[in-house]
C-alpha atoms as a PDB file:
ATOM      1  CA  MET A   1       0.032  -0.003  -0.040  1.00  0.00           C
ATOM      2  CA  PHE A   2       1.284   3.331  -0.908  1.00  0.00           C
ATOM      3  CA  GLY A   3       1.414   6.366   1.539  1.00  0.00           C
ATOM      4  CA  ASP A   4       0.880  10.034   0.677  1.00  0.00           C
ATOM      5  CA  LEU A   5       3.013  11.132  -2.329  1.00  0.00           C
ATOM      6  CA  ILE A   6       4.258  14.594  -3.363  1.00  0.00           C
ATOM      7  CA  LEU A   7       6.106  15.205  -6.669  1.00  0.00           C
ATOM      8  CA  THR A   8       7.588  18.596  -7.368  1.00  0.00           C
ATOM      9  CA  PRO A   9       6.627  20.702 -10.461  1.00  0.00           C
ATOM     10  CA  ARG A  10      10.199  19.869 -11.893  1.00  0.00           C
ATOM     11  CA  ALA A  11       9.827  16.149 -11.235  1.00  0.00           C
ATOM     12  CA  ASN A  12      10.847  13.788 -14.117  1.00  0.00           C
ATOM     13  CA  ILE A  13       7.858  13.063 -16.288  1.00  0.00           C
ATOM     14  CA  ASP A  14       8.938   9.484 -17.005  1.00  0.00           C
ATOM     15  CA  GLU A  15       9.345   8.984 -13.270  1.00  0.00           C
ATOM     16  CA  ALA A  16       5.867  10.191 -12.679  1.00  0.00           C
ATOM     17  CA  ARG A  17       4.425   7.888 -15.521  1.00  0.00           C
ATOM     18  CA  GLU A  18       6.264   4.972 -13.910  1.00  0.00           C
ATOM     19  CA  LEU A  19       4.887   5.651 -10.525  1.00  0.00           C
ATOM     20  CA  LEU A  20       1.329   5.992 -12.032  1.00  0.00           C
ATOM     21  CA  GLU A  21       1.578   2.613 -13.614  1.00  0.00           C
ATOM     22  CA  SER A  22       2.764   1.140 -10.311  1.00  0.00           C
ATOM     23  CA  LEU A  23      -0.267   2.663  -8.609  1.00  0.00           C
ATOM     24  CA  LYS A  24      -2.678   1.333 -11.268  1.00  0.00           C
ATOM     25  CA  ALA A  25      -1.107  -2.252 -10.842  1.00  0.00           C
ATOM     26  CA  GLU A  26      -1.902  -2.156  -7.176  1.00  0.00           C
ATOM     27  CA  GLY A  27      -5.570  -1.226  -7.503  1.00  0.00           C
ATOM     28  CA  ILE A  28      -8.014   1.578  -8.057  1.00  0.00           C
ATOM     29  CA  VAL A  29      -6.677   4.905  -8.792  1.00  0.00           C
ATOM     30  CA  ILE A  30      -9.135   8.017  -8.523  1.00  0.00           C
ATOM     31  CA  GLY A  31      -8.346  11.526  -9.969  1.00  0.00           C
ATOM     32  CA  THR A  32      -9.861  14.632  -8.685  1.00  0.00           C
ATOM     33  CA  ASP A  33      -9.707  18.401  -9.795  1.00  0.00           C
ATOM     34  CA  GLU A  34     -11.881  21.471  -9.544  1.00  0.00           C
ATOM     35  CA  ALA A  35     -13.307  24.186 -11.842  1.00  0.00           C
ATOM     36  CA  GLY A  36     -14.284  27.814 -10.978  1.00  0.00           C
ATOM     37  CA  ARG A  37     -11.534  28.567  -8.282  1.00  0.00           C
ATOM     38  CA  GLY A  38     -10.727  32.000  -9.831  1.00  0.00           C
ATOM     39  CA  ALA A  39     -14.231  33.139 -10.790  1.00  0.00           C
ATOM     40  CA  LEU A  40     -15.977  36.051  -9.300  1.00  0.00           C
ATOM     41  CA  ALA A  41     -19.415  34.406  -9.474  1.00  0.00           C
ATOM     42  CA  GLY A  42     -20.899  30.976  -8.989  1.00  0.00           C
ATOM     43  CA  PRO A  43     -19.693  28.016  -6.804  1.00  0.00           C
ATOM     44  CA  VAL A  44     -16.463  25.895  -7.357  1.00  0.00           C
ATOM     45  CA  ILE A  45     -17.253  22.567  -8.728  1.00  0.00           C
ATOM     46  CA  ALA A  46     -15.109  19.582  -8.016  1.00  0.00           C
ATOM     47  CA  ALA A  47     -15.089  16.090  -9.681  1.00  0.00           C
ATOM     48  CA  ALA A  48     -13.685  12.685  -9.091  1.00  0.00           C
ATOM     49  CA  VAL A  49     -13.208  10.072 -11.752  1.00  0.00           C
ATOM     50  CA  TYR A  50     -12.236   6.451 -12.126  1.00  0.00           C
ATOM     51  CA  LEU A  51     -11.098   5.064 -15.519  1.00  0.00           C
ATOM     52  CA  THR A  52     -10.649   1.441 -16.496  1.00  0.00           C
ATOM     53  CA  GLN A  53      -7.787   0.854 -18.763  1.00  0.00           C
ATOM     54  CA  GLU A  54      -9.920   0.424 -21.781  1.00  0.00           C
ATOM     55  CA  GLN A  55     -11.936   3.601 -20.968  1.00  0.00           C
ATOM     56  CA  GLU A  56      -8.579   5.608 -20.539  1.00  0.00           C
ATOM     57  CA  GLU A  57      -7.215   4.442 -23.934  1.00  0.00           C
ATOM     58  CA  LYS A  58     -10.515   5.267 -25.933  1.00  0.00           C
ATOM     59  CA  LEU A  59     -10.598   8.683 -24.207  1.00  0.00           C
ATOM     60  CA  LEU A  60      -6.920   9.371 -24.988  1.00  0.00           C
ATOM     61  CA  ALA A  61      -7.599   8.324 -28.616  1.00  0.00           C
ATOM     62  CA  ASN A  62     -10.297  11.153 -28.687  1.00  0.00           C
ATOM     63  CA  LYS A  63      -7.772  13.731 -27.459  1.00  0.00           C
ATOM     64  CA  LEU A  64      -8.337  13.569 -23.682  1.00  0.00           C
ATOM     65  CA  ARG A  65      -6.380  16.330 -21.906  1.00  0.00           C
ATOM     66  CA  ASP A  66      -6.483  19.130 -19.359  1.00  0.00           C
ATOM     67  CA  SER A  67      -9.963  20.885 -19.892  1.00  0.00           C
ATOM     68  CA  LYS A  68      -8.319  24.264 -19.965  1.00  0.00           C
ATOM     69  CA  LYS A  69      -6.524  23.185 -23.210  1.00  0.00           C
ATOM     70  CA  LEU A  70      -9.749  22.121 -24.887  1.00  0.00           C
ATOM     71  CA  THR A  71     -12.544  24.204 -26.588  1.00  0.00           C
ATOM     72  CA  GLN A  72     -16.160  23.945 -25.007  1.00  0.00           C
ATOM     73  CA  LYS A  73     -17.225  21.819 -27.915  1.00  0.00           C
ATOM     74  CA  SER A  74     -14.237  19.394 -27.357  1.00  0.00           C
ATOM     75  CA  ARG A  75     -14.880  19.113 -23.720  1.00  0.00           C
ATOM     76  CA  GLU A  76     -18.660  18.477 -24.280  1.00  0.00           C
ATOM     77  CA  LYS A  77     -17.726  15.705 -26.770  1.00  0.00           C
ATOM     78  CA  ILE A  78     -15.376  13.963 -24.435  1.00  0.00           C
ATOM     79  CA  PHE A  79     -17.802  14.301 -21.587  1.00  0.00           C
ATOM     80  CA  THR A  80     -20.507  12.693 -23.724  1.00  0.00           C
ATOM     81  CA  LEU A  81     -18.047   9.866 -24.634  1.00  0.00           C
ATOM     82  CA  MET A  82     -17.223   9.319 -21.011  1.00  0.00           C
ATOM     83  CA  ASN A  83     -20.960   8.757 -20.230  1.00  0.00           C
ATOM     84  CA  GLU A  84     -21.328   6.504 -23.317  1.00  0.00           C
ATOM     85  CA  LEU A  85     -18.394   4.332 -22.051  1.00  0.00           C
ATOM     86  CA  GLY A  86     -19.872   4.115 -18.581  1.00  0.00           C
ATOM     87  CA  VAL A  87     -17.141   6.037 -16.801  1.00  0.00           C
ATOM     88  CA  LEU A  88     -17.858   6.319 -13.071  1.00  0.00           C
ATOM     89  CA  TRP A  89     -17.620   9.914 -11.874  1.00  0.00           C
ATOM     90  CA  SER A  90     -19.094  12.125  -9.117  1.00  0.00           C
ATOM     91  CA  ALA A  91     -19.267  15.917  -8.682  1.00  0.00           C
ATOM     92  CA  SER A  92     -19.845  18.209  -5.797  1.00  0.00           C
ATOM     93  CA  PRO A  93     -20.169  22.024  -5.266  1.00  0.00           C
ATOM     94  CA  GLY A  94     -18.490  24.241  -2.952  1.00  0.00           C
ATOM     95  CA  SER A  95     -21.047  26.949  -2.271  1.00  0.00           C
ATOM     96  CA  ILE A  96     -20.598  30.697  -2.209  1.00  0.00           C
ATOM     97  CA  ASP A  97     -21.333  30.766   1.507  1.00  0.00           C
ATOM     98  CA  LEU A  98     -18.537  28.313   2.064  1.00  0.00           C
ATOM     99  CA  ILE A  99     -16.138  30.204  -0.088  1.00  0.00           C
ATOM    100  CA  GLU A 100     -16.775  33.362   1.963  1.00  0.00           C
ATOM    101  CA  SER A 101     -16.602  31.740   5.278  1.00  0.00           C
ATOM    102  CA  ARG A 102     -13.828  29.114   4.631  1.00  0.00           C
ATOM    103  CA  ASN A 103     -11.817  30.754   1.792  1.00  0.00           C
ATOM    104  CA  ILE A 104     -11.558  29.298  -1.741  1.00  0.00           C
ATOM    105  CA  LEU A 105      -8.807  26.804  -1.063  1.00  0.00           C
ATOM    106  CA  ARG A 106     -10.536  25.043   1.763  1.00  0.00           C
ATOM    107  CA  THR A 107     -13.889  25.076  -0.090  1.00  0.00           C
ATOM    108  CA  SER A 108     -12.181  23.565  -3.223  1.00  0.00           C
ATOM    109  CA  LEU A 109     -10.725  20.699  -0.963  1.00  0.00           C
ATOM    110  CA  TYR A 110     -14.072  20.174   0.645  1.00  0.00           C
ATOM    111  CA  ALA A 111     -15.866  19.851  -2.516  1.00  0.00           C
ATOM    112  CA  MET A 112     -13.028  17.463  -3.781  1.00  0.00           C
ATOM    113  CA  ALA A 113     -13.447  15.259  -0.634  1.00  0.00           C
ATOM    114  CA  GLN A 114     -17.247  15.168  -1.243  1.00  0.00           C
ATOM    115  CA  SER A 115     -16.723  13.911  -4.699  1.00  0.00           C
ATOM    116  CA  VAL A 116     -14.057  11.390  -3.885  1.00  0.00           C
ATOM    117  CA  ASN A 117     -16.168   9.891  -1.103  1.00  0.00           C
ATOM    118  CA  LYS A 118     -19.236   9.784  -3.354  1.00  0.00           C
ATOM    119  CA  LEU A 119     -17.361   7.944  -6.034  1.00  0.00           C
ATOM    120  CA  VAL A 120     -15.821   5.484  -3.553  1.00  0.00           C
ATOM    121  CA  ASN A 121     -19.335   4.604  -2.506  1.00  0.00           C
ATOM    122  CA  LYS A 122     -20.195   3.922  -6.096  1.00  0.00           C
ATOM    123  CA  LEU A 123     -17.121   1.681  -6.544  1.00  0.00           C
ATOM    124  CA  ALA A 124     -17.675  -0.109  -3.263  1.00  0.00           C
ATOM    125  CA  LEU A 125     -13.876  -0.478  -3.040  1.00  0.00           C
ATOM    126  CA  ASP A 126     -11.263   1.745  -1.460  1.00  0.00           C
ATOM    127  CA  PRO A 127      -8.755   3.379  -3.837  1.00  0.00           C
ATOM    128  CA  VAL A 128      -4.980   2.723  -3.445  1.00  0.00           C
ATOM    129  CA  CYS A 129      -4.568   6.292  -4.220  1.00  0.00           C
ATOM    130  CA  VAL A 130      -6.354   9.608  -5.001  1.00  0.00           C
ATOM    131  CA  ILE A 131      -4.401  11.957  -7.341  1.00  0.00           C
ATOM    132  CA  VAL A 132      -5.103  15.451  -6.540  1.00  0.00           C
ATOM    133  CA  ASP A 133      -4.355  18.326  -8.986  1.00  0.00           C
ATOM    134  CA  GLY A 134      -2.234  20.836  -7.168  1.00  0.00           C
ATOM    135  CA  ASN A 135      -0.115  20.844  -4.031  1.00  0.00           C
ATOM    136  CA  ALA A 136      -2.670  20.794  -1.235  1.00  0.00           C
ATOM    137  CA  ARG A 137      -3.705  17.575   0.413  1.00  0.00           C
ATOM    138  CA  ILE A 138      -7.437  16.975   1.027  1.00  0.00           C
ATOM    139  CA  PRO A 139      -7.889  16.824   4.737  1.00  0.00           C
ATOM    140  CA  GLU A 140     -11.355  14.978   4.604  1.00  0.00           C
ATOM    141  CA  ILE A 141     -10.577  11.770   2.901  1.00  0.00           C
ATOM    142  CA  ASN A 142      -8.963   8.681   4.520  1.00  0.00           C
ATOM    143  CA  PHE A 143      -7.203   7.258   1.500  1.00  0.00           C
ATOM    144  CA  PRO A 144      -3.482   7.732   0.333  1.00  0.00           C
ATOM    145  CA  GLN A 145      -3.112  10.828  -1.743  1.00  0.00           C
ATOM    146  CA  TRP A 146      -0.661  11.927  -4.476  1.00  0.00           C
ATOM    147  CA  THR A 147      -0.648  15.816  -4.829  1.00  0.00           C
ATOM    148  CA  LEU A 148       0.752  16.746  -8.197  1.00  0.00           C
ATOM    149  CA  ILE A 149       1.008  20.060  -9.786  1.00  0.00           C
ATOM    150  CA  ARG A 150      -0.397  20.021 -13.363  1.00  0.00           C
ATOM    151  CA  ALA A 151      -1.818  16.631 -12.800  1.00  0.00           C
ATOM    152  CA  ASP A 152      -4.664  17.736 -14.952  1.00  0.00           C
ATOM    153  CA  ASN A 153      -2.154  17.706 -17.936  1.00  0.00           C
ATOM    154  CA  LEU A 154      -0.162  14.821 -16.950  1.00  0.00           C
ATOM    155  CA  VAL A 155      -2.583  12.119 -15.608  1.00  0.00           C
ATOM    156  CA  PRO A 156      -5.416  11.024 -17.842  1.00  0.00           C
ATOM    157  CA  VAL A 157      -7.844  10.252 -14.862  1.00  0.00           C
ATOM    158  CA  VAL A 158      -7.256  13.787 -13.548  1.00  0.00           C
ATOM    159  CA  SER A 159      -7.790  15.273 -16.981  1.00  0.00           C
ATOM    160  CA  ALA A 160     -11.086  13.484 -17.030  1.00  0.00           C
ATOM    161  CA  ALA A 161     -12.038  14.892 -13.666  1.00  0.00           C
ATOM    162  CA  SER A 162     -11.122  18.327 -14.881  1.00  0.00           C
ATOM    163  CA  ILE A 163     -13.515  17.936 -17.859  1.00  0.00           C
ATOM    164  CA  VAL A 164     -16.376  16.742 -15.797  1.00  0.00           C
ATOM    165  CA  ALA A 165     -15.846  19.693 -13.328  1.00  0.00           C
ATOM    166  CA  LYS A 166     -15.594  22.215 -16.023  1.00  0.00           C
ATOM    167  CA  VAL A 167     -18.532  21.004 -18.168  1.00  0.00           C
ATOM    168  CA  ILE A 168     -20.962  20.745 -15.129  1.00  0.00           C
ATOM    169  CA  ARG A 169     -19.938  24.154 -13.933  1.00  0.00           C
ATOM    170  CA  ASP A 170     -20.263  25.779 -17.394  1.00  0.00           C
ATOM    171  CA  ARG A 171     -23.713  24.293 -17.764  1.00  0.00           C
ATOM    172  CA  LEU A 172     -24.564  25.644 -14.305  1.00  0.00           C
ATOM    173  CA  MET A 173     -23.404  29.140 -15.165  1.00  0.00           C
ATOM    174  CA  HIS A 174     -25.434  28.986 -18.340  1.00  0.00           C
ATOM    175  CA  ASN A 175     -28.592  28.165 -16.509  1.00  0.00           C
ATOM    176  CA  LEU A 176     -27.783  30.954 -14.006  1.00  0.00           C
ATOM    177  CA  ASP A 177     -27.497  33.472 -16.826  1.00  0.00           C
ATOM    178  CA  SER A 178     -31.422  33.429 -17.359  1.00  0.00           C
ATOM    179  CA  LYS A 179     -31.949  33.873 -13.555  1.00  0.00           C
ATOM    180  CA  TYR A 180     -29.463  36.754 -13.248  1.00  0.00           C
ATOM    181  CA  PRO A 181     -29.368  38.572 -16.622  1.00  0.00           C
ATOM    182  CA  GLY A 182     -27.147  41.461 -17.198  1.00  0.00           C
ATOM    183  CA  TYR A 183     -23.853  39.724 -16.393  1.00  0.00           C
ATOM    184  CA  ASP A 184     -23.273  37.709 -19.500  1.00  0.00           C
ATOM    185  CA  LEU A 185     -22.702  34.618 -17.571  1.00  0.00           C
ATOM    186  CA  THR A 186     -23.129  32.352 -20.446  1.00  0.00           C
ATOM    187  CA  LYS A 187     -19.962  33.801 -21.994  1.00  0.00           C
ATOM    188  CA  ASN A 188     -17.857  34.588 -19.080  1.00  0.00           C
ATOM    189  CA  LYS A 189     -18.912  31.618 -16.719  1.00  0.00           C
ATOM    190  CA  GLY A 190     -18.468  34.026 -13.719  1.00  0.00           C
ATOM    191  CA  TYR A 191     -14.815  34.838 -14.493  1.00  0.00           C
ATOM    192  CA  PRO A 192     -13.321  38.247 -14.250  1.00  0.00           C
ATOM    193  CA  THR A 193     -13.451  39.308 -17.855  1.00  0.00           C
ATOM    194  CA  LYS A 194     -13.481  42.875 -18.835  1.00  0.00           C
ATOM    195  CA  MET A 195     -17.138  42.864 -19.700  1.00  0.00           C
ATOM    196  CA  HIS A 196     -18.060  41.047 -16.503  1.00  0.00           C
ATOM    197  CA  ILE A 197     -16.083  43.596 -14.305  1.00  0.00           C
ATOM    198  CA  GLU A 198     -17.932  46.466 -16.142  1.00  0.00           C
ATOM    199  CA  ARG A 199     -21.206  44.961 -15.496  1.00  0.00           C
ATOM    200  CA  ILE A 200     -20.416  44.428 -11.776  1.00  0.00           C
ATOM    201  CA  LYS A 201     -19.386  48.162 -11.649  1.00  0.00           C
ATOM    202  CA  SER A 202     -22.536  49.345 -13.363  1.00  0.00           C
ATOM    203  CA  HIS A 203     -25.127  46.858 -11.750  1.00  0.00           C
ATOM    204  CA  GLY A 204     -23.520  45.964  -8.587  1.00  0.00           C
ATOM    205  CA  ILE A 205     -23.337  42.319  -7.338  1.00  0.00           C
ATOM    206  CA  CYS A 206     -26.079  39.774  -7.142  1.00  0.00           C
ATOM    207  CA  ASP A 207     -26.770  36.725  -5.033  1.00  0.00           C
ATOM    208  CA  ILE A 208     -24.316  34.299  -6.816  1.00  0.00           C
ATOM    209  CA  HIS A 209     -21.221  36.772  -6.756  1.00  0.00           C
ATOM    210  CA  ARG A 210     -18.499  36.135  -4.307  1.00  0.00           C
ATOM    211  CA  GLU A 211     -18.547  39.407  -2.408  1.00  0.00           C
ATOM    212  CA  SER A 212     -14.985  39.186  -1.247  1.00  0.00           C
ATOM    213  CA  PHE A 213     -13.673  38.463  -4.706  1.00  0.00           C
ATOM    214  CA  CYS A 214     -15.683  41.471  -6.128  1.00  0.00           C
ATOM    215  CA  ARG A 215     -14.859  44.074  -3.504  1.00  0.00           C
ATOM    216  CA  LYS A 216     -11.989  45.555  -5.295  1.00  0.00           C
ATOM    217  CA  PHE A 217     -14.142  46.307  -8.324  1.00  0.00           C
ATOM    218  CA  LEU A 218     -16.894  48.127  -6.419  1.00  0.00           C
END
């Protein structure tokens, strides 16, 4: 059984891949990531994913990679394929209230923990490792963790988690756009674009804005 692992940003990529294969040979490996951490509006969304070897190979053949390096159309295509392949995943929000009371990092880690624990319940088996995008350990799970900066670009199961989180959050922001018109949420997804900041200055903030994030613009 592996304990917690930390690999620096300058770690050898081949070494990381070798370690990943060792983990997968030992048992179930889960990847987790979040979307919306830098936004001014809306919750942060975290996702956790488990991939079989066959699922991973098919997704890689369809250009699975970090969600930030894909277009919205490509992300939706891969997300649809994941569901067609029966990929097991879960997602959880970190609410605006939590972001304001706990801060964004702790809320992101909380949402990751919720996603991982829900996915483990679906699998009915404990993972040998949870690979976390970033350098912060999740405090609310009881499984070995591998914190890895740029894991969403280096580890396929984390890339898949980044896509799930991003697609779900984008869809949520699109739905919120009709409820909170005037902020162009379908386009900016709550992020601090020039247009979004101008709308905040002219309209003020609404219920779904993170007040502490927006304060400097008001």
